Amino acid sequence: MKNVKKYSEILSTLVREEAVKYKDDSEGFSTVPITDTKHHQYLVVIHGFRDFSRFYAIQYHFEIIDGKVWIQRDITDIAIHEELVKKGIPKEDIVLGYKAEYARYLSGYGVDNEKSIAA
């Protein structure tokens, strides 16, 4: 898993950058980057109150599994997978975990080799 350290650094930086970016647009909500390099979990969480309603969302959730970056959650309208490619992660090492397996195969991005219908 030669790329795990590199991918971890990229994801850690990305969640910090995204948290700062969305903090400015979050209407007073707290935007928190969460980085767990031991378990390879990287998240951006937004929470707070609007009027009398509680708001809590995981905006991004990335994992490194078997040397690949899995995007488990992305509730934005930007293409975060394209940002990962720009930052140096090859498409074949990015798995769109929030998509069904057949859609992952058709996406042009990485697949889970053990579960892929293409394997």
Protein backbone atom coordinates (compact mmCIF):
# COMPACT_ATOMS: atom_id res chain seq x y z
CA MET A 1 0.00 0.00 0.00
CA LYS A 2 2.65 2.43 -1.11
CA ASN A 3 0.24 5.32 -1.73
CA VAL A 4 -1.62 5.26 1.59
CA LYS A 5 0.59 7.91 3.20
CA LYS A 6 0.36 10.18 0.14
CA TYR A 7 -3.42 9.74 -0.10
CA SER A 8 -3.78 10.36 3.64
CA GLU A 9 -1.92 13.65 3.32
CA ILE A 10 -4.04 14.71 0.34
CA LEU A 11 -7.31 13.85 2.11
CA SER A 12 -6.26 15.53 5.36
CA THR A 13 -5.45 18.73 3.48
CA LEU A 14 -8.62 18.51 1.40
CA VAL A 15 -11.00 18.18 4.37
CA ARG A 16 -9.32 21.15 6.08
CA GLU A 17 -9.61 23.24 2.91
CA GLU A 18 -13.22 22.24 2.33
CA ALA A 19 -14.17 22.95 5.95
CA VAL A 20 -12.70 26.45 5.70
CA LYS A 21 -14.38 27.05 2.34
CA TYR A 22 -17.82 26.01 3.56
CA LYS A 23 -17.43 27.76 6.90
CA ASP A 24 -17.69 31.08 5.05
CA ASP A 25 -20.91 29.97 3.33
CA SER A 26 -22.54 28.03 6.17
CA GLU A 27 -24.72 30.81 7.68
CA GLY A 28 -23.20 30.53 11.13
CA PHE A 29 -23.04 26.76 11.27
CA SER A 30 -19.91 25.08 12.58
CA THR A 31 -17.93 23.33 9.87
CA VAL A 32 -15.52 20.75 11.25
CA PRO A 33 -12.80 18.76 9.45
CA ILE A 34 -12.28 15.33 11.01
CA THR A 35 -9.14 13.38 10.20
CA ASP A 36 -8.39 9.92 11.63
CA THR A 37 -5.17 8.76 9.99
CA LYS A 38 -5.01 5.59 12.08
CA HIS A 39 -8.32 4.28 10.70
CA HIS A 40 -8.11 6.24 7.41
CA GLN A 41 -11.33 8.21 7.88
CA TYR A 42 -11.66 11.81 6.63
CA LEU A 43 -14.86 13.83 7.03
CA VAL A 44 -16.30 17.32 6.87
CA VAL A 45 -19.20 17.78 9.30
CA ILE A 46 -21.54 20.78 9.39
CA HIS A 47 -23.79 21.39 12.38
CA GLY A 48 -25.74 24.10 14.15
CA PHE A 49 -29.20 25.59 14.46
CA ARG A 50 -31.36 27.49 12.00
CA ASP A 51 -34.27 29.14 13.76
CA PHE A 52 -35.36 26.34 16.10
CA SER A 53 -34.24 23.40 13.98
CA ARG A 54 -31.04 21.44 14.48
CA PHE A 55 -28.94 20.86 11.39
CA TYR A 56 -26.30 18.13 11.21
CA ALA A 57 -24.75 16.75 8.05
CA ILE A 58 -21.70 14.88 6.93
CA GLN A 59 -20.76 16.80 3.83
CA TYR A 60 -17.86 14.59 2.80
CA HIS A 61 -16.70 11.21 3.99
CA PHE A 62 -13.59 9.61 2.52
CA GLU A 63 -11.91 6.34 3.49
CA ILE A 64 -8.75 4.65 2.36
CA ILE A 65 -9.52 0.96 1.85
CA ASP A 66 -6.98 -1.45 0.38
CA GLY A 67 -4.93 1.43 -1.01
CA LYS A 68 -7.85 3.14 -2.75
CA VAL A 69 -9.69 6.32 -1.80
CA TRP A 70 -13.38 5.62 -1.30
CA ILE A 71 -15.78 8.54 -1.46
CA GLN A 72 -18.55 7.36 0.86
CA ARG A 73 -20.50 10.62 0.97
CA ASP A 74 -20.59 13.81 -1.05
CA ILE A 75 -23.65 16.04 -0.67
CA THR A 76 -22.29 18.91 -2.72
CA ASP A 77 -22.81 19.89 -6.30
CA ILE A 78 -19.08 20.02 -7.04
CA ALA A 79 -17.26 17.02 -8.44
CA ILE A 80 -14.98 16.21 -5.50
CA HIS A 81 -13.61 13.15 -7.36
CA GLU A 82 -12.24 15.51 -10.01
CA GLU A 83 -10.55 17.57 -7.27
CA LEU A 84 -8.88 14.39 -6.01
CA VAL A 85 -7.51 13.70 -9.48
CA LYS A 86 -6.17 17.26 -9.70
CA LYS A 87 -4.43 16.72 -6.36
CA GLY A 88 -2.62 13.64 -7.66
CA ILE A 89 -4.82 10.60 -7.00
CA PRO A 90 -5.29 8.52 -10.16
CA LYS A 91 -8.87 7.82 -11.27
CA GLU A 92 -8.35 4.08 -10.88
CA ASP A 93 -7.58 4.61 -7.17
CA ILE A 94 -10.80 6.54 -6.50
CA VAL A 95 -13.93 4.51 -5.79
CA LEU A 96 -17.31 6.24 -5.82
CA GLY A 97 -18.63 4.33 -2.83
CA TYR A 98 -21.91 6.26 -2.77
CA LYS A 99 -22.85 4.78 -6.15
CA ALA A 100 -24.19 1.30 -6.83
CA GLU A 101 -21.57 -1.22 -7.98
CA TYR A 102 -22.70 -1.22 -11.64
CA ALA A 103 -22.54 2.59 -11.73
CA ARG A 104 -19.02 2.53 -10.27
CA TYR A 105 -17.92 0.28 -13.10
CA LEU A 106 -19.44 2.64 -15.67
CA SER A 107 -18.04 5.80 -14.04
CA GLY A 108 -14.48 5.54 -15.35
CA TYR A 109 -13.21 5.60 -11.78
CA GLY A 110 -11.88 2.75 -9.66
CA VAL A 111 -13.89 -0.24 -8.59
CA ASP A 112 -13.67 -2.65 -5.69
CA ASN A 113 -11.94 -5.54 -7.44
CA GLU A 114 -13.42 -8.13 -5.11
CA LYS A 115 -17.01 -7.00 -5.67
CA SER A 116 -16.95 -5.53 -9.14
CA ILE A 117 -19.15 -7.04 -11.82
CA ALA A 118 -16.26 -6.34 -14.20
CA ALA A 119 -13.77 -8.46 -12.25
